[in-house]
Amino acid sequence: MSLHQISIRLGDEPLALSKLTGLFYREDLHPESIFVSRGPDGLFCHIAVTDSEKLRSLLSSHNIPHQVTPALAVIIPEHPGGLHAILNILDKNSLKINHIYPALSSSGQTNFLVCAVDDTDQLKKLLEENWIDLAY
């Protein structure tokens, strides 16, 4: 199962995030993770999903501009320095981080990071070589 990140510029429209999540609710969409941040142009929303086609179709039908990029759901090793182990792999191999943010599985049992980098295939290979698991 692959993971994609869909990025949307929400701007500063009042209730924009509420309207967006309302669409998810009405269409029974369940994103793996949502990360919202404020930039100079207002709010940005990054949504990690396993079914990107359904969400892309929904956004397009509502004329909501969006960008889709591949991402990985990296399980954070449960030991001191687990996060550092992941970031060290990125650093040692000069992989540029575009977005990285935490998420929690729907069961609440697995902590993972959504990682969007320049070379997702290379990151996947490096993680496997270093015994770091993916959630999807």
C-alpha atoms as a PDB file:
ATOM      1  CA  MET A   1       0.000   0.000   0.000  1.00  0.00           C
ATOM      2  CA  SER A   2       1.491   3.369  -0.939  1.00  0.00           C
ATOM      3  CA  LEU A   3       1.187   6.652   0.880  1.00  0.00           C
ATOM      4  CA  HIS A   4       0.822  10.050  -0.732  1.00  0.00           C
ATOM      5  CA  GLN A   5       0.872  13.534   0.670  1.00  0.00           C
ATOM      6  CA  ILE A   6      -1.654  15.977  -0.710  1.00  0.00           C
ATOM      7  CA  SER A   7      -0.805  19.601  -0.036  1.00  0.00           C
ATOM      8  CA  ILE A   8      -3.373  22.387  -0.108  1.00  0.00           C
ATOM      9  CA  ARG A   9      -2.928  26.116   0.395  1.00  0.00           C
ATOM     10  CA  LEU A  10      -5.890  27.143   2.515  1.00  0.00           C
ATOM     11  CA  GLY A  11      -4.939  30.819   2.755  1.00  0.00           C
ATOM     12  CA  ASP A  12      -6.644  32.900   5.411  1.00  0.00           C
ATOM     13  CA  GLU A  13     -10.265  32.176   4.529  1.00  0.00           C
ATOM     14  CA  PRO A  14     -12.246  31.825   7.774  1.00  0.00           C
ATOM     15  CA  LEU A  15     -13.233  28.231   8.508  1.00  0.00           C
ATOM     16  CA  ALA A  16     -11.260  26.876   5.514  1.00  0.00           C
ATOM     17  CA  LEU A  17      -9.890  23.952   7.518  1.00  0.00           C
ATOM     18  CA  SER A  18     -13.318  23.170   8.948  1.00  0.00           C
ATOM     19  CA  LYS A  19     -14.837  23.178   5.466  1.00  0.00           C
ATOM     20  CA  LEU A  20     -12.092  20.850   4.224  1.00  0.00           C
ATOM     21  CA  THR A  21     -12.505  18.350   7.055  1.00  0.00           C
ATOM     22  CA  GLY A  22     -16.283  18.579   6.558  1.00  0.00           C
ATOM     23  CA  LEU A  23     -15.754  17.299   3.006  1.00  0.00           C
ATOM     24  CA  PHE A  24     -13.764  14.384   4.406  1.00  0.00           C
ATOM     25  CA  TYR A  25     -16.552  13.574   6.844  1.00  0.00           C
ATOM     26  CA  ARG A  26     -19.308  13.713   4.224  1.00  0.00           C
ATOM     27  CA  GLU A  27     -17.331  11.503   1.830  1.00  0.00           C
ATOM     28  CA  ASP A  28     -16.203   9.067   4.555  1.00  0.00           C
ATOM     29  CA  LEU A  29     -12.512   9.772   3.919  1.00  0.00           C
ATOM     30  CA  HIS A  30     -10.035   8.831   6.609  1.00  0.00           C
ATOM     31  CA  PRO A  31      -6.639  10.493   6.160  1.00  0.00           C
ATOM     32  CA  GLU A  32      -3.715   8.789   7.870  1.00  0.00           C
ATOM     33  CA  SER A  33      -2.471  12.153   9.115  1.00  0.00           C
ATOM     34  CA  ILE A  34      -3.092  15.866   8.697  1.00  0.00           C
ATOM     35  CA  PHE A  35      -0.494  18.542   9.343  1.00  0.00           C
ATOM     36  CA  VAL A  36      -1.434  22.221   9.248  1.00  0.00           C
ATOM     37  CA  SER A  37       1.056  25.078   9.390  1.00  0.00           C
ATOM     38  CA  ARG A  38       0.993  28.816   8.877  1.00  0.00           C
ATOM     39  CA  GLY A  39       3.240  30.402   6.288  1.00  0.00           C
ATOM     40  CA  PRO A  40       3.456  33.905   4.843  1.00  0.00           C
ATOM     41  CA  ASP A  41       0.511  33.126   2.533  1.00  0.00           C
ATOM     42  CA  GLY A  42      -1.763  31.745   5.250  1.00  0.00           C
ATOM     43  CA  LEU A  43      -2.514  28.158   6.240  1.00  0.00           C
ATOM     44  CA  PHE A  44      -1.115  25.133   4.460  1.00  0.00           C
ATOM     45  CA  CYS A  45      -2.525  21.663   4.938  1.00  0.00           C
ATOM     46  CA  HIS A  46      -0.601  18.463   4.243  1.00  0.00           C
ATOM     47  CA  ILE A  47      -2.721  15.325   4.217  1.00  0.00           C
ATOM     48  CA  ALA A  48      -1.253  11.817   4.184  1.00  0.00           C
ATOM     49  CA  VAL A  49      -3.559   9.271   2.537  1.00  0.00           C
ATOM     50  CA  THR A  50      -3.369   5.734   1.186  1.00  0.00           C
ATOM     51  CA  ASP A  51      -6.199   6.343  -1.311  1.00  0.00           C
ATOM     52  CA  SER A  52      -4.989   9.486  -3.058  1.00  0.00           C
ATOM     53  CA  GLU A  53      -7.264   9.058  -6.093  1.00  0.00           C
ATOM     54  CA  LYS A  54     -10.436   9.379  -4.038  1.00  0.00           C
ATOM     55  CA  LEU A  55      -9.197  12.523  -2.302  1.00  0.00           C
ATOM     56  CA  ARG A  56      -7.811  14.014  -5.522  1.00  0.00           C
ATOM     57  CA  SER A  57     -11.156  13.460  -7.210  1.00  0.00           C
ATOM     58  CA  LEU A  58     -13.006  15.086  -4.318  1.00  0.00           C
ATOM     59  CA  LEU A  59     -10.701  18.114  -4.280  1.00  0.00           C
ATOM     60  CA  SER A  60     -10.910  18.520  -8.058  1.00  0.00           C
ATOM     61  CA  SER A  61     -14.720  18.329  -7.996  1.00  0.00           C
ATOM     62  CA  HIS A  62     -14.707  21.231  -5.513  1.00  0.00           C
ATOM     63  CA  ASN A  63     -12.099  23.190  -7.500  1.00  0.00           C
ATOM     64  CA  ILE A  64      -9.567  23.004  -4.680  1.00  0.00           C
ATOM     65  CA  PRO A  65      -6.022  23.279  -6.068  1.00  0.00           C
ATOM     66  CA  HIS A  66      -3.677  20.669  -4.623  1.00  0.00           C
ATOM     67  CA  GLN A  67      -0.313  19.025  -5.131  1.00  0.00           C
ATOM     68  CA  VAL A  68       0.361  15.302  -4.716  1.00  0.00           C
ATOM     69  CA  THR A  69       3.734  13.863  -3.729  1.00  0.00           C
ATOM     70  CA  PRO A  70       4.805  10.371  -2.655  1.00  0.00           C
ATOM     71  CA  ALA A  71       5.529   9.892   1.042  1.00  0.00           C
ATOM     72  CA  LEU A  72       6.467   7.160   3.475  1.00  0.00           C
ATOM     73  CA  ALA A  73       4.977   6.264   6.849  1.00  0.00           C
ATOM     74  CA  VAL A  74       8.096   5.449   8.846  1.00  0.00           C
ATOM     75  CA  ILE A  75       7.619   3.663  12.164  1.00  0.00           C
ATOM     76  CA  ILE A  76       9.651   5.396  14.864  1.00  0.00           C
ATOM     77  CA  PRO A  77      11.865   2.819  16.593  1.00  0.00           C
ATOM     78  CA  GLU A  78      10.849   2.434  20.239  1.00  0.00           C
ATOM     79  CA  HIS A  79      14.213   3.067  21.850  1.00  0.00           C
ATOM     80  CA  PRO A  80      16.116   6.137  22.980  1.00  0.00           C
ATOM     81  CA  GLY A  81      17.302   7.928  19.883  1.00  0.00           C
ATOM     82  CA  GLY A  82      14.706   6.292  17.596  1.00  0.00           C
ATOM     83  CA  LEU A  83      13.883   9.583  15.875  1.00  0.00           C
ATOM     84  CA  HIS A  84      17.573  10.434  15.625  1.00  0.00           C
ATOM     85  CA  ALA A  85      18.218   7.104  13.888  1.00  0.00           C
ATOM     86  CA  ILE A  86      15.794   8.048  11.127  1.00  0.00           C
ATOM     87  CA  LEU A  87      17.074  11.602  10.772  1.00  0.00           C
ATOM     88  CA  ASN A  88      20.673  10.370  10.766  1.00  0.00           C
ATOM     89  CA  ILE A  89      19.916   8.151   7.754  1.00  0.00           C
ATOM     90  CA  LEU A  90      18.487  11.155   5.919  1.00  0.00           C
ATOM     91  CA  ASP A  91      21.475  13.314   6.831  1.00  0.00           C
ATOM     92  CA  LYS A  92      24.181  10.755   6.000  1.00  0.00           C
ATOM     93  CA  ASN A  93      22.661  10.206   2.570  1.00  0.00           C
ATOM     94  CA  SER A  94      21.939  13.879   1.824  1.00  0.00           C
ATOM     95  CA  LEU A  95      18.214  13.270   1.390  1.00  0.00           C
ATOM     96  CA  LYS A  96      16.391  16.581   1.442  1.00  0.00           C
ATOM     97  CA  ILE A  97      13.349  16.674   3.732  1.00  0.00           C
ATOM     98  CA  ASN A  98      10.354  18.401   2.190  1.00  0.00           C
ATOM     99  CA  HIS A  99       7.973  17.570   5.035  1.00  0.00           C
ATOM    100  CA  ILE A 100       8.183  15.400   8.101  1.00  0.00           C
ATOM    101  CA  TYR A 101       5.499  15.216  10.756  1.00  0.00           C
ATOM    102  CA  PRO A 102       4.263  12.758  13.369  1.00  0.00           C
ATOM    103  CA  ALA A 103       1.155  10.634  13.117  1.00  0.00           C
ATOM    104  CA  LEU A 104      -0.595   7.968  15.134  1.00  0.00           C
ATOM    105  CA  SER A 105      -2.257   4.885  13.698  1.00  0.00           C
ATOM    106  CA  SER A 106      -6.027   4.647  13.986  1.00  0.00           C
ATOM    107  CA  SER A 107      -5.567   1.922  16.605  1.00  0.00           C
ATOM    108  CA  GLY A 108      -3.348   4.270  18.597  1.00  0.00           C
ATOM    109  CA  GLN A 109      -0.680   1.573  18.805  1.00  0.00           C
ATOM    110  CA  THR A 110       1.880   2.763  16.262  1.00  0.00           C
ATOM    111  CA  ASN A 111       3.676   6.079  16.177  1.00  0.00           C
ATOM    112  CA  PHE A 112       5.031   6.953  12.788  1.00  0.00           C
ATOM    113  CA  LEU A 113       6.441   9.838  10.811  1.00  0.00           C
ATOM    114  CA  VAL A 114       5.083  10.930   7.483  1.00  0.00           C
ATOM    115  CA  CYS A 115       8.206  11.618   5.437  1.00  0.00           C
ATOM    116  CA  ALA A 116       8.109  13.416   2.116  1.00  0.00           C
ATOM    117  CA  VAL A 117      11.606  13.627   0.666  1.00  0.00           C
ATOM    118  CA  ASP A 118      13.124  14.257  -2.748  1.00  0.00           C
ATOM    119  CA  ASP A 119      13.796  10.554  -3.382  1.00  0.00           C
ATOM    120  CA  THR A 120      11.196   8.322  -1.703  1.00  0.00           C
ATOM    121  CA  ASP A 121      12.509   5.129  -3.329  1.00  0.00           C
ATOM    122  CA  GLN A 122      16.029   5.789  -2.040  1.00  0.00           C
ATOM    123  CA  LEU A 123      14.715   6.493   1.475  1.00  0.00           C
ATOM    124  CA  LYS A 124      12.686   3.274   1.458  1.00  0.00           C
ATOM    125  CA  LYS A 125      15.774   1.291   0.455  1.00  0.00           C
ATOM    126  CA  LEU A 126      17.921   2.938   3.136  1.00  0.00           C
ATOM    127  CA  LEU A 127      15.324   2.356   5.848  1.00  0.00           C
ATOM    128  CA  GLU A 128      15.064  -1.333   4.918  1.00  0.00           C
ATOM    129  CA  GLU A 129      18.858  -1.649   5.023  1.00  0.00           C
ATOM    130  CA  ASN A 130      18.799  -0.160   8.536  1.00  0.00           C
ATOM    131  CA  TRP A 131      15.943  -2.351   9.825  1.00  0.00           C
ATOM    132  CA  ILE A 132      13.460   0.516  10.152  1.00  0.00           C
ATOM    133  CA  ASP A 133       9.905  -0.535   9.309  1.00  0.00           C
ATOM    134  CA  LEU A 134       7.221   1.241   7.338  1.00  0.00           C
ATOM    135  CA  ALA A 135       3.619   1.452   8.546  1.00  0.00           C
ATOM    136  CA  TYR A 136       2.300   0.962   4.978  1.00  0.00           C
END
